[in-house]
Amino acid sequence: MVEPIIKLESVTKRFGSLTVLDELSFEVKPGEKLALIGPSGSGKTTILRMLMTLEHPSEGRITVDGDYLFHMKNGNGLVPASEKHLHEMRRKIGMVFQHFNLFPHKSVLQNITLAPILTQNVSKADAEARAMSLLEKFGLAEKADAMPSQLSGGQKQRVAIARACALQPRIMLFDEVTSALDPELVEEVLNVMRLIASETDTTMLLVTHEMNFARDFADRVLFFDSGHIIEDGPPSEIFTNPTHERTQSFLRKVLSH
């Protein structure tokens, strides 16, 4: 049996009186490509934000790569994770956000090399070599010295993906990475994600409204509604023969556009 690389056990997340995730449990295998779909506000992004430790669960446990994310073992019990533990865990995970969050006063190359140099003690030369190799792969080699303001939205998002890849994480999280882009720029970003999937064994979790991409790209699809997983299965099943009425009506709406 392969140990799951991500495991959520009865995870609940509340914001005040609002329950966004309700006793959620699921596992992700190493190397799996998982698409999280469902209406806005159903809890999908909250899952990614918890895996990045940007949000803490109200209840339940999350395990990443065999270690508890928000807890540490202490004797026979568990205690809340220290900042050092959280920092170590974060190194396994890269996230690409809907808005690119590039540093506006740094060049493309500097945006990509900054984190490996600061957080992984990679030498400047090695960080730059790693960055240039990614830029080449993603069709951006000639933009290394450009500033973010000189890039199109699609180029910015490809730089943001290169920046996440430069840390060589075991898990990559993509949160609606194409939703802020003009339609003609979407494909260039999706192609980069296909490239990562085909060339690496990185585990990828993807929150998206691009249903056709989810259908082609994912090994497995989770459909969320109101903080619950309503359906879980291969794309062929979820998209062509969903069993739950809620999934059917959601897909009817989004696929008819």
C-alpha atoms as a PDB file:
ATOM      1  CA  MET A   1       0.000   0.000   0.000  1.00  0.00           C
ATOM      2  CA  VAL A   2       1.322   3.420  -0.955  1.00  0.00           C
ATOM      3  CA  GLU A   3       1.071   5.879   1.922  1.00  0.00           C
ATOM      4  CA  PRO A   4      -0.992   8.948   0.995  1.00  0.00           C
ATOM      5  CA  ILE A   5       1.067  12.135   0.595  1.00  0.00           C
ATOM      6  CA  ILE A   6      -1.873  14.198   1.879  1.00  0.00           C
ATOM      7  CA  LYS A   7      -4.500  13.043   4.347  1.00  0.00           C
ATOM      8  CA  LEU A   8      -7.341  15.034   5.869  1.00  0.00           C
ATOM      9  CA  GLU A   9      -9.143  13.446   8.813  1.00  0.00           C
ATOM     10  CA  SER A  10     -12.455  14.970   9.954  1.00  0.00           C
ATOM     11  CA  VAL A  11     -11.250  18.478   9.156  1.00  0.00           C
ATOM     12  CA  THR A  12     -13.655  21.276  10.041  1.00  0.00           C
ATOM     13  CA  LYS A  13     -13.001  24.945   9.359  1.00  0.00           C
ATOM     14  CA  ARG A  14     -15.167  27.697  10.769  1.00  0.00           C
ATOM     15  CA  PHE A  15     -14.977  31.431  10.237  1.00  0.00           C
ATOM     16  CA  GLY A  16     -17.045  32.752  13.130  1.00  0.00           C
ATOM     17  CA  SER A  17     -20.449  31.103  12.871  1.00  0.00           C
ATOM     18  CA  LEU A  18     -19.869  30.058   9.239  1.00  0.00           C
ATOM     19  CA  THR A  19     -18.728  26.448   8.710  1.00  0.00           C
ATOM     20  CA  VAL A  20     -16.747  26.351   5.466  1.00  0.00           C
ATOM     21  CA  LEU A  21     -15.521  22.738   5.739  1.00  0.00           C
ATOM     22  CA  ASP A  22     -17.541  20.197   7.636  1.00  0.00           C
ATOM     23  CA  GLU A  23     -15.736  17.068   8.946  1.00  0.00           C
ATOM     24  CA  LEU A  24     -13.908  16.615   5.671  1.00  0.00           C
ATOM     25  CA  SER A  25     -11.840  13.461   5.102  1.00  0.00           C
ATOM     26  CA  PHE A  26      -9.936  12.459   1.964  1.00  0.00           C
ATOM     27  CA  GLU A  27      -6.513  11.236   0.855  1.00  0.00           C
ATOM     28  CA  VAL A  28      -4.227  12.048  -2.064  1.00  0.00           C
ATOM     29  CA  LYS A  29      -1.690   9.561  -3.431  1.00  0.00           C
ATOM     30  CA  PRO A  30       1.863  10.649  -4.285  1.00  0.00           C
ATOM     31  CA  GLY A  31       1.977  11.955  -7.856  1.00  0.00           C
ATOM     32  CA  GLU A  32      -1.801  12.175  -8.141  1.00  0.00           C
ATOM     33  CA  LYS A  33      -3.364  15.042 -10.122  1.00  0.00           C
ATOM     34  CA  LEU A  34      -6.500  16.077  -8.252  1.00  0.00           C
ATOM     35  CA  ALA A  35      -9.076  18.612  -9.481  1.00  0.00           C
ATOM     36  CA  LEU A  36     -11.320  20.272  -6.887  1.00  0.00           C
ATOM     37  CA  ILE A  37     -14.489  21.607  -8.491  1.00  0.00           C
ATOM     38  CA  GLY A  38     -17.756  23.029  -7.235  1.00  0.00           C
ATOM     39  CA  PRO A  39     -19.576  26.329  -6.728  1.00  0.00           C
ATOM     40  CA  SER A  40     -17.826  29.381  -5.254  1.00  0.00           C
ATOM     41  CA  GLY A  41     -17.774  29.299  -1.469  1.00  0.00           C
ATOM     42  CA  SER A  42     -17.854  25.497  -1.253  1.00  0.00           C
ATOM     43  CA  GLY A  43     -14.524  25.322   0.596  1.00  0.00           C
ATOM     44  CA  LYS A  44     -12.102  24.398  -2.206  1.00  0.00           C
ATOM     45  CA  THR A  45      -9.663  27.287  -1.775  1.00  0.00           C
ATOM     46  CA  THR A  46      -9.785  26.932   2.023  1.00  0.00           C
ATOM     47  CA  ILE A  47      -8.314  23.422   1.640  1.00  0.00           C
ATOM     48  CA  LEU A  48      -5.359  24.776  -0.349  1.00  0.00           C
ATOM     49  CA  ARG A  49      -4.871  27.621   2.119  1.00  0.00           C
ATOM     50  CA  MET A  50      -4.784  25.131   5.007  1.00  0.00           C
ATOM     51  CA  LEU A  51      -2.222  22.963   3.212  1.00  0.00           C
ATOM     52  CA  MET A  52      -0.094  26.129   2.855  1.00  0.00           C
ATOM     53  CA  THR A  53      -0.674  26.804   6.608  1.00  0.00           C
ATOM     54  CA  LEU A  54      -2.298  30.156   5.733  1.00  0.00           C
ATOM     55  CA  GLU A  55      -5.401  28.934   7.587  1.00  0.00           C
ATOM     56  CA  HIS A  56      -5.572  26.569  10.567  1.00  0.00           C
ATOM     57  CA  PRO A  57      -8.296  23.931  10.856  1.00  0.00           C
ATOM     58  CA  SER A  58     -10.826  24.443  13.646  1.00  0.00           C
ATOM     59  CA  GLU A  59     -10.912  20.662  14.216  1.00  0.00           C
ATOM     60  CA  GLY A  60      -9.410  17.530  12.708  1.00  0.00           C
ATOM     61  CA  ARG A  61      -5.946  16.573  11.508  1.00  0.00           C
ATOM     62  CA  ILE A  62      -3.975  16.998   8.310  1.00  0.00           C
ATOM     63  CA  THR A  63      -0.969  14.839   7.430  1.00  0.00           C
ATOM     64  CA  VAL A  64       1.497  15.758   4.685  1.00  0.00           C
ATOM     65  CA  ASP A  65       4.189  13.329   3.539  1.00  0.00           C
ATOM     66  CA  GLY A  66       3.825  11.233   6.694  1.00  0.00           C
ATOM     67  CA  ASP A  67       4.025  14.128   9.179  1.00  0.00           C
ATOM     68  CA  TYR A  68       1.240  15.996  10.934  1.00  0.00           C
ATOM     69  CA  LEU A  69       0.927  19.491   9.502  1.00  0.00           C
ATOM     70  CA  PHE A  70      -0.432  21.433  12.475  1.00  0.00           C
ATOM     71  CA  HIS A  71       0.638  19.034  15.243  1.00  0.00           C
ATOM     72  CA  MET A  72       3.842  17.474  16.498  1.00  0.00           C
ATOM     73  CA  LYS A  73       4.345  14.240  18.414  1.00  0.00           C
ATOM     74  CA  ASN A  74       5.159  14.731  22.062  1.00  0.00           C
ATOM     75  CA  GLY A  75       5.580  11.513  24.041  1.00  0.00           C
ATOM     76  CA  ASN A  76       2.418   9.537  23.309  1.00  0.00           C
ATOM     77  CA  GLY A  77       0.317  12.571  22.443  1.00  0.00           C
ATOM     78  CA  LEU A  78       0.203  15.469  20.021  1.00  0.00           C
ATOM     79  CA  VAL A  79       0.870  19.141  20.663  1.00  0.00           C
ATOM     80  CA  PRO A  80       0.325  22.175  18.394  1.00  0.00           C
ATOM     81  CA  ALA A  81       3.108  22.562  15.816  1.00  0.00           C
ATOM     82  CA  SER A  82       5.919  25.025  16.460  1.00  0.00           C
ATOM     83  CA  GLU A  83       6.769  27.720  13.919  1.00  0.00           C
ATOM     84  CA  LYS A  84       9.915  25.721  13.048  1.00  0.00           C
ATOM     85  CA  HIS A  85       7.818  22.617  12.286  1.00  0.00           C
ATOM     86  CA  LEU A  86       5.384  24.622  10.135  1.00  0.00           C
ATOM     87  CA  HIS A  87       8.326  26.139   8.266  1.00  0.00           C
ATOM     88  CA  GLU A  88       9.786  22.680   7.573  1.00  0.00           C
ATOM     89  CA  MET A  89       6.410  21.398   6.350  1.00  0.00           C
ATOM     90  CA  ARG A  90       5.879  24.399   4.064  1.00  0.00           C
ATOM     91  CA  ARG A  91       9.048  23.527   2.179  1.00  0.00           C
ATOM     92  CA  LYS A  92       7.302  20.488   0.706  1.00  0.00           C
ATOM     93  CA  ILE A  93       4.497  22.540  -0.822  1.00  0.00           C
ATOM     94  CA  GLY A  94       4.343  25.224  -3.520  1.00  0.00           C
ATOM     95  CA  MET A  95       1.272  27.312  -4.274  1.00  0.00           C
ATOM     96  CA  VAL A  96       0.272  29.419  -7.253  1.00  0.00           C
ATOM     97  CA  PHE A  97      -2.463  31.941  -6.577  1.00  0.00           C
ATOM     98  CA  GLN A  98      -5.133  33.477  -8.751  1.00  0.00           C
ATOM     99  CA  HIS A  99      -3.317  36.841  -8.580  1.00  0.00           C
ATOM    100  CA  PHE A 100       0.316  36.437  -9.416  1.00  0.00           C
ATOM    101  CA  ASN A 101       1.794  38.157  -6.310  1.00  0.00           C
ATOM    102  CA  LEU A 102       5.103  38.883  -8.051  1.00  0.00           C
ATOM    103  CA  PHE A 103       7.418  41.438  -6.463  1.00  0.00           C
ATOM    104  CA  PRO A 104       6.902  44.488  -8.719  1.00  0.00           C
ATOM    105  CA  HIS A 105      10.382  45.977  -8.135  1.00  0.00           C
ATOM    106  CA  LYS A 106      12.295  42.794  -8.884  1.00  0.00           C
ATOM    107  CA  SER A 107      13.047  41.320 -12.296  1.00  0.00           C
ATOM    108  CA  VAL A 108      11.567  38.021 -13.426  1.00  0.00           C
ATOM    109  CA  LEU A 109      14.850  36.253 -12.617  1.00  0.00           C
ATOM    110  CA  GLN A 110      15.033  37.837  -9.142  1.00  0.00           C
ATOM    111  CA  ASN A 111      11.419  36.868  -8.426  1.00  0.00           C
ATOM    112  CA  ILE A 112      12.273  33.230  -9.102  1.00  0.00           C
ATOM    113  CA  THR A 113      15.662  33.061  -7.358  1.00  0.00           C
ATOM    114  CA  LEU A 114      14.788  34.940  -4.171  1.00  0.00           C
ATOM    115  CA  ALA A 115      13.118  32.109  -2.218  1.00  0.00           C
ATOM    116  CA  PRO A 116      15.643  29.322  -3.042  1.00  0.00           C
ATOM    117  CA  ILE A 117      18.510  31.641  -1.991  1.00  0.00           C
ATOM    118  CA  LEU A 118      16.817  32.812   1.211  1.00  0.00           C
ATOM    119  CA  THR A 119      15.013  29.678   2.384  1.00  0.00           C
ATOM    120  CA  GLN A 120      17.064  26.796   0.956  1.00  0.00           C
ATOM    121  CA  ASN A 121      20.583  28.275   1.047  1.00  0.00           C
ATOM    122  CA  VAL A 122      20.953  27.652  -2.696  1.00  0.00           C
ATOM    123  CA  SER A 123      23.864  29.638  -4.152  1.00  0.00           C
ATOM    124  CA  LYS A 124      22.999  32.571  -6.416  1.00  0.00           C
ATOM    125  CA  ALA A 125      24.590  30.823  -9.414  1.00  0.00           C
ATOM    126  CA  ASP A 126      22.660  27.595  -8.829  1.00  0.00           C
ATOM    127  CA  ALA A 127      19.401  29.459  -8.205  1.00  0.00           C
ATOM    128  CA  GLU A 128      19.847  31.392 -11.448  1.00  0.00           C
ATOM    129  CA  ALA A 129      20.670  28.240 -13.404  1.00  0.00           C
ATOM    130  CA  ARG A 130      17.544  26.563 -11.995  1.00  0.00           C
ATOM    131  CA  ALA A 131      15.446  29.638 -12.803  1.00  0.00           C
ATOM    132  CA  MET A 132      16.748  29.951 -16.374  1.00  0.00           C
ATOM    133  CA  SER A 133      16.062  26.292 -17.022  1.00  0.00           C
ATOM    134  CA  LEU A 134      12.429  26.786 -15.891  1.00  0.00           C
ATOM    135  CA  LEU A 135      12.035  30.006 -17.901  1.00  0.00           C
ATOM    136  CA  GLU A 136      13.325  28.217 -20.986  1.00  0.00           C
ATOM    137  CA  LYS A 137      10.932  25.342 -20.454  1.00  0.00           C
ATOM    138  CA  PHE A 138       8.007  27.722 -19.972  1.00  0.00           C
ATOM    139  CA  GLY A 139       8.832  29.814 -23.058  1.00  0.00           C
ATOM    140  CA  LEU A 140      10.029  32.873 -21.122  1.00  0.00           C
ATOM    141  CA  ALA A 141      13.824  32.789 -21.402  1.00  0.00           C
ATOM    142  CA  GLU A 142      13.943  36.195 -23.103  1.00  0.00           C
ATOM    143  CA  LYS A 143      11.951  37.754 -20.225  1.00  0.00           C
ATOM    144  CA  ALA A 144      14.522  37.001 -17.484  1.00  0.00           C
ATOM    145  CA  ASP A 145      15.495  40.665 -17.043  1.00  0.00           C
ATOM    146  CA  ALA A 146      12.002  42.096 -17.599  1.00  0.00           C
ATOM    147  CA  MET A 147      10.006  43.635 -14.767  1.00  0.00           C
ATOM    148  CA  PRO A 148       6.544  42.225 -13.950  1.00  0.00           C
ATOM    149  CA  SER A 149       4.886  45.407 -15.291  1.00  0.00           C
ATOM    150  CA  GLN A 150       6.283  44.568 -18.742  1.00  0.00           C
ATOM    151  CA  LEU A 151       4.585  41.157 -18.877  1.00  0.00           C
ATOM    152  CA  SER A 152       1.145  40.031 -20.003  1.00  0.00           C
ATOM    153  CA  GLY A 153      -1.121  38.327 -17.470  1.00  0.00           C
ATOM    154  CA  GLY A 154      -0.309  34.910 -18.927  1.00  0.00           C
ATOM    155  CA  GLN A 155       3.420  35.597 -18.718  1.00  0.00           C
ATOM    156  CA  LYS A 156       3.099  36.765 -15.099  1.00  0.00           C
ATOM    157  CA  GLN A 157       1.266  33.585 -14.180  1.00  0.00           C
ATOM    158  CA  ARG A 158       3.895  31.431 -15.893  1.00  0.00           C
ATOM    159  CA  VAL A 159       6.576  33.275 -13.885  1.00  0.00           C
ATOM    160  CA  ALA A 160       4.562  32.638 -10.708  1.00  0.00           C
ATOM    161  CA  ILE A 161       4.457  28.914 -11.567  1.00  0.00           C
ATOM    162  CA  ALA A 162       8.217  28.920 -12.286  1.00  0.00           C
ATOM    163  CA  ARG A 163       8.786  30.608  -8.913  1.00  0.00           C
ATOM    164  CA  ALA A 164       6.836  27.833  -7.135  1.00  0.00           C
ATOM    165  CA  CYS A 165       8.665  25.124  -9.122  1.00  0.00           C
ATOM    166  CA  ALA A 166      12.071  26.635  -8.291  1.00  0.00           C
ATOM    167  CA  LEU A 167      11.654  25.449  -4.702  1.00  0.00           C
ATOM    168  CA  GLN A 168      11.229  21.887  -6.030  1.00  0.00           C
ATOM    169  CA  PRO A 169       8.219  21.081  -3.845  1.00  0.00           C
ATOM    170  CA  ARG A 170       6.717  17.601  -3.654  1.00  0.00           C
ATOM    171  CA  ILE A 171       3.211  19.068  -3.851  1.00  0.00           C
ATOM    172  CA  MET A 172       1.938  21.931  -6.026  1.00  0.00           C
ATOM    173  CA  LEU A 173      -1.329  23.753  -5.318  1.00  0.00           C
ATOM    174  CA  PHE A 174      -3.027  25.806  -8.033  1.00  0.00           C
ATOM    175  CA  ASP A 175      -5.836  28.125  -6.965  1.00  0.00           C
ATOM    176  CA  GLU A 176      -7.926  29.324  -9.920  1.00  0.00           C
ATOM    177  CA  VAL A 177      -4.699  30.220 -11.711  1.00  0.00           C
ATOM    178  CA  THR A 178      -6.426  31.149 -14.979  1.00  0.00           C
ATOM    179  CA  SER A 179      -9.472  33.015 -13.687  1.00  0.00           C
ATOM    180  CA  ALA A 180      -7.841  36.472 -13.777  1.00  0.00           C
ATOM    181  CA  LEU A 181      -6.592  35.976 -17.354  1.00  0.00           C
ATOM    182  CA  ASP A 182      -8.015  36.975 -20.708  1.00  0.00           C
ATOM    183  CA  PRO A 183      -9.381  33.874 -22.479  1.00  0.00           C
ATOM    184  CA  GLU A 184      -6.629  33.840 -25.128  1.00  0.00           C
ATOM    185  CA  LEU A 185      -3.931  33.677 -22.424  1.00  0.00           C
ATOM    186  CA  VAL A 186      -5.456  30.767 -20.515  1.00  0.00           C
ATOM    187  CA  GLU A 187      -4.067  28.048 -22.761  1.00  0.00           C
ATOM    188  CA  GLU A 188      -0.412  29.101 -22.352  1.00  0.00           C
ATOM    189  CA  VAL A 189      -0.741  28.709 -18.572  1.00  0.00           C
ATOM    190  CA  LEU A 190      -2.555  25.363 -18.832  1.00  0.00           C
ATOM    191  CA  ASN A 191       0.208  24.115 -21.164  1.00  0.00           C
ATOM    192  CA  VAL A 192       2.799  24.842 -18.475  1.00  0.00           C
ATOM    193  CA  MET A 193       0.773  22.803 -15.985  1.00  0.00           C
ATOM    194  CA  ARG A 194       0.552  19.936 -18.481  1.00  0.00           C
ATOM    195  CA  LEU A 195       4.331  20.127 -18.881  1.00  0.00           C
ATOM    196  CA  ILE A 196       4.912  19.871 -15.114  1.00  0.00           C
ATOM    197  CA  ALA A 197       2.539  16.907 -14.946  1.00  0.00           C
ATOM    198  CA  SER A 198       4.230  15.082 -17.811  1.00  0.00           C
ATOM    199  CA  GLU A 199       7.833  15.726 -16.742  1.00  0.00           C
ATOM    200  CA  THR A 200       7.673  15.349 -12.957  1.00  0.00           C
ATOM    201  CA  ASP A 201       6.006  13.159 -10.361  1.00  0.00           C
ATOM    202  CA  THR A 202       4.816  16.221  -8.433  1.00  0.00           C
ATOM    203  CA  THR A 203       1.475  15.788  -6.670  1.00  0.00           C
ATOM    204  CA  MET A 204      -0.843  18.503  -8.011  1.00  0.00           C
ATOM    205  CA  LEU A 205      -4.070  19.868  -6.502  1.00  0.00           C
ATOM    206  CA  LEU A 206      -6.020  22.171  -8.710  1.00  0.00           C
ATOM    207  CA  VAL A 207      -8.998  24.370  -7.886  1.00  0.00           C
ATOM    208  CA  THR A 208     -10.443  25.384 -11.244  1.00  0.00           C
ATOM    209  CA  HIS A 209     -13.473  26.456 -13.225  1.00  0.00           C
ATOM    210  CA  GLU A 210     -11.823  25.190 -16.430  1.00  0.00           C
ATOM    211  CA  MET A 211     -13.897  22.035 -16.656  1.00  0.00           C
ATOM    212  CA  ASN A 212     -12.479  20.778 -19.939  1.00  0.00           C
ATOM    213  CA  PHE A 213      -8.961  21.103 -18.580  1.00  0.00           C
ATOM    214  CA  ALA A 214      -9.945  19.327 -15.349  1.00  0.00           C
ATOM    215  CA  ARG A 215     -11.467  16.514 -17.395  1.00  0.00           C
ATOM    216  CA  ASP A 216      -8.302  16.045 -19.506  1.00  0.00           C
ATOM    217  CA  PHE A 217      -5.718  16.708 -16.822  1.00  0.00           C
ATOM    218  CA  ALA A 218      -6.877  15.194 -13.550  1.00  0.00           C
ATOM    219  CA  ASP A 219      -6.560  11.593 -12.411  1.00  0.00           C
ATOM    220  CA  ARG A 220      -9.401  12.237 -10.003  1.00  0.00           C
ATOM    221  CA  VAL A 221     -12.061  14.873  -9.404  1.00  0.00           C
ATOM    222  CA  LEU A 222     -13.666  15.912  -6.124  1.00  0.00           C
ATOM    223  CA  PHE A 223     -16.943  17.827  -6.364  1.00  0.00           C
ATOM    224  CA  PHE A 224     -17.574  20.074  -3.353  1.00  0.00           C
ATOM    225  CA  ASP A 225     -20.729  21.692  -2.107  1.00  0.00           C
ATOM    226  CA  SER A 226     -21.195  23.524   1.204  1.00  0.00           C
ATOM    227  CA  GLY A 227     -18.001  22.159   2.733  1.00  0.00           C
ATOM    228  CA  HIS A 228     -18.694  18.517   1.845  1.00  0.00           C
ATOM    229  CA  ILE A 229     -17.384  16.204  -0.865  1.00  0.00           C
ATOM    230  CA  ILE A 230     -20.487  15.237  -2.825  1.00  0.00           C
ATOM    231  CA  GLU A 231     -18.700  13.099  -5.428  1.00  0.00           C
ATOM    232  CA  ASP A 232     -15.232  11.634  -5.789  1.00  0.00           C
ATOM    233  CA  GLY A 233     -14.100   9.710  -8.845  1.00  0.00           C
ATOM    234  CA  PRO A 234     -12.243   9.666 -12.168  1.00  0.00           C
ATOM    235  CA  PRO A 235     -13.071  12.539 -14.566  1.00  0.00           C
ATOM    236  CA  SER A 236     -14.709  10.151 -17.039  1.00  0.00           C
ATOM    237  CA  GLU A 237     -17.244   9.234 -14.370  1.00  0.00           C
ATOM    238  CA  ILE A 238     -17.818  12.663 -12.788  1.00  0.00           C
ATOM    239  CA  PHE A 239     -18.175  14.541 -16.072  1.00  0.00           C
ATOM    240  CA  THR A 240     -20.136  12.015 -18.111  1.00  0.00           C
ATOM    241  CA  ASN A 241     -22.173  10.200 -15.512  1.00  0.00           C
ATOM    242  CA  PRO A 242     -22.387  12.095 -12.201  1.00  0.00           C
ATOM    243  CA  THR A 243     -24.619  10.298  -9.718  1.00  0.00           C
ATOM    244  CA  HIS A 244     -25.587  13.230  -7.532  1.00  0.00           C
ATOM    245  CA  GLU A 245     -28.246  15.703  -8.639  1.00  0.00           C
ATOM    246  CA  ARG A 246     -26.180  18.613  -7.248  1.00  0.00           C
ATOM    247  CA  THR A 247     -23.200  17.653  -9.436  1.00  0.00           C
ATOM    248  CA  GLN A 248     -25.449  17.242 -12.473  1.00  0.00           C
ATOM    249  CA  SER A 249     -26.980  20.708 -12.137  1.00  0.00           C
ATOM    250  CA  PHE A 250     -23.577  22.359 -11.491  1.00  0.00           C
ATOM    251  CA  LEU A 251     -21.992  20.716 -14.551  1.00  0.00           C
ATOM    252  CA  ARG A 252     -25.022  21.525 -16.727  1.00  0.00           C
ATOM    253  CA  LYS A 253     -24.575  25.194 -15.854  1.00  0.00           C
ATOM    254  CA  VAL A 254     -20.802  25.456 -16.275  1.00  0.00           C
ATOM    255  CA  LEU A 255     -20.516  23.236 -19.352  1.00  0.00           C
ATOM    256  CA  SER A 256     -23.259  25.070 -21.241  1.00  0.00           C
ATOM    257  CA  HIS A 257     -21.260  28.337 -21.223  1.00  0.00           C
END
